[in-house]
Amino acid sequence: MREAWRERLDGVPTGRDYVLIAKPGLSEAIAANGFDWLGERVDEVLGKAAA
């Protein structure tokens, strides 16, 4: 999760706070779907927050 977030920091607007929570089962979901899947989920959350 940290790495996915770090990759997006340059595109995150300043002046906002974000809290990302890794729920149980996240590591299994990443293992099944891949790291790119996690990045897509983070992008999805950022898109919703910007709306």
Protein backbone atom coordinates (compact mmCIF):
# COMPACT_ATOMS: atom_id res chain seq x y z
CA MET A 1 0.00 0.00 0.00
CA ARG A 2 2.81 2.41 0.85
CA GLU A 3 4.53 1.86 -2.47
CA ALA A 4 1.31 2.36 -4.43
CA TRP A 5 0.72 5.60 -2.51
CA ARG A 6 4.30 6.84 -3.01
CA GLU A 7 3.98 6.33 -6.76
CA ARG A 8 1.01 8.74 -6.79
CA LEU A 9 2.23 11.45 -4.41
CA ASP A 10 3.21 13.88 -7.17
CA GLY A 11 -0.37 13.86 -8.47
CA VAL A 12 -2.08 14.27 -5.09
CA PRO A 13 -3.36 17.80 -4.46
CA THR A 14 -1.77 19.63 -1.55
CA GLY A 15 -3.84 20.83 1.37
CA ARG A 16 -5.75 17.57 1.78
CA ASP A 17 -5.32 14.70 4.17
CA TYR A 18 -5.87 11.09 3.16
CA VAL A 19 -6.13 7.98 5.29
CA LEU A 20 -5.70 4.65 3.52
CA ILE A 21 -6.68 1.59 5.49
CA ALA A 22 -5.53 -1.89 4.60
CA LYS A 23 -8.33 -4.25 5.55
CA PRO A 24 -7.82 -7.94 6.32
CA GLY A 25 -7.41 -9.91 3.12
CA LEU A 26 -5.63 -7.16 1.18
CA SER A 27 -2.41 -9.13 0.82
CA GLU A 28 -4.36 -12.10 -0.54
CA ALA A 29 -6.20 -9.83 -3.00
CA ILE A 30 -2.90 -8.38 -4.20
CA ALA A 31 -1.45 -11.87 -4.57
CA ALA A 32 -4.45 -12.92 -6.66
CA ASN A 33 -4.86 -9.73 -8.71
CA GLY A 34 -1.36 -8.21 -8.83
CA PHE A 35 0.21 -4.96 -7.70
CA ASP A 36 -1.28 -3.04 -10.62
CA TRP A 37 -4.73 -3.93 -9.30
CA LEU A 38 -3.88 -2.24 -6.00
CA GLY A 39 -2.73 0.87 -7.86
CA GLU A 40 -6.03 0.94 -9.73
CA ARG A 41 -7.92 0.77 -6.43
CA VAL A 42 -5.86 3.66 -5.02
CA ASP A 43 -6.53 5.66 -8.20
CA GLU A 44 -10.23 4.90 -7.82
CA VAL A 45 -10.25 6.26 -4.26
CA LEU A 46 -8.35 9.39 -5.29
CA GLY A 47 -10.82 9.96 -8.12
CA LYS A 48 -13.76 9.69 -5.72
CA ALA A 49 -12.11 12.06 -3.27
CA ALA A 50 -11.57 14.64 -6.02
CA ALA A 51 -15.24 14.54 -7.10
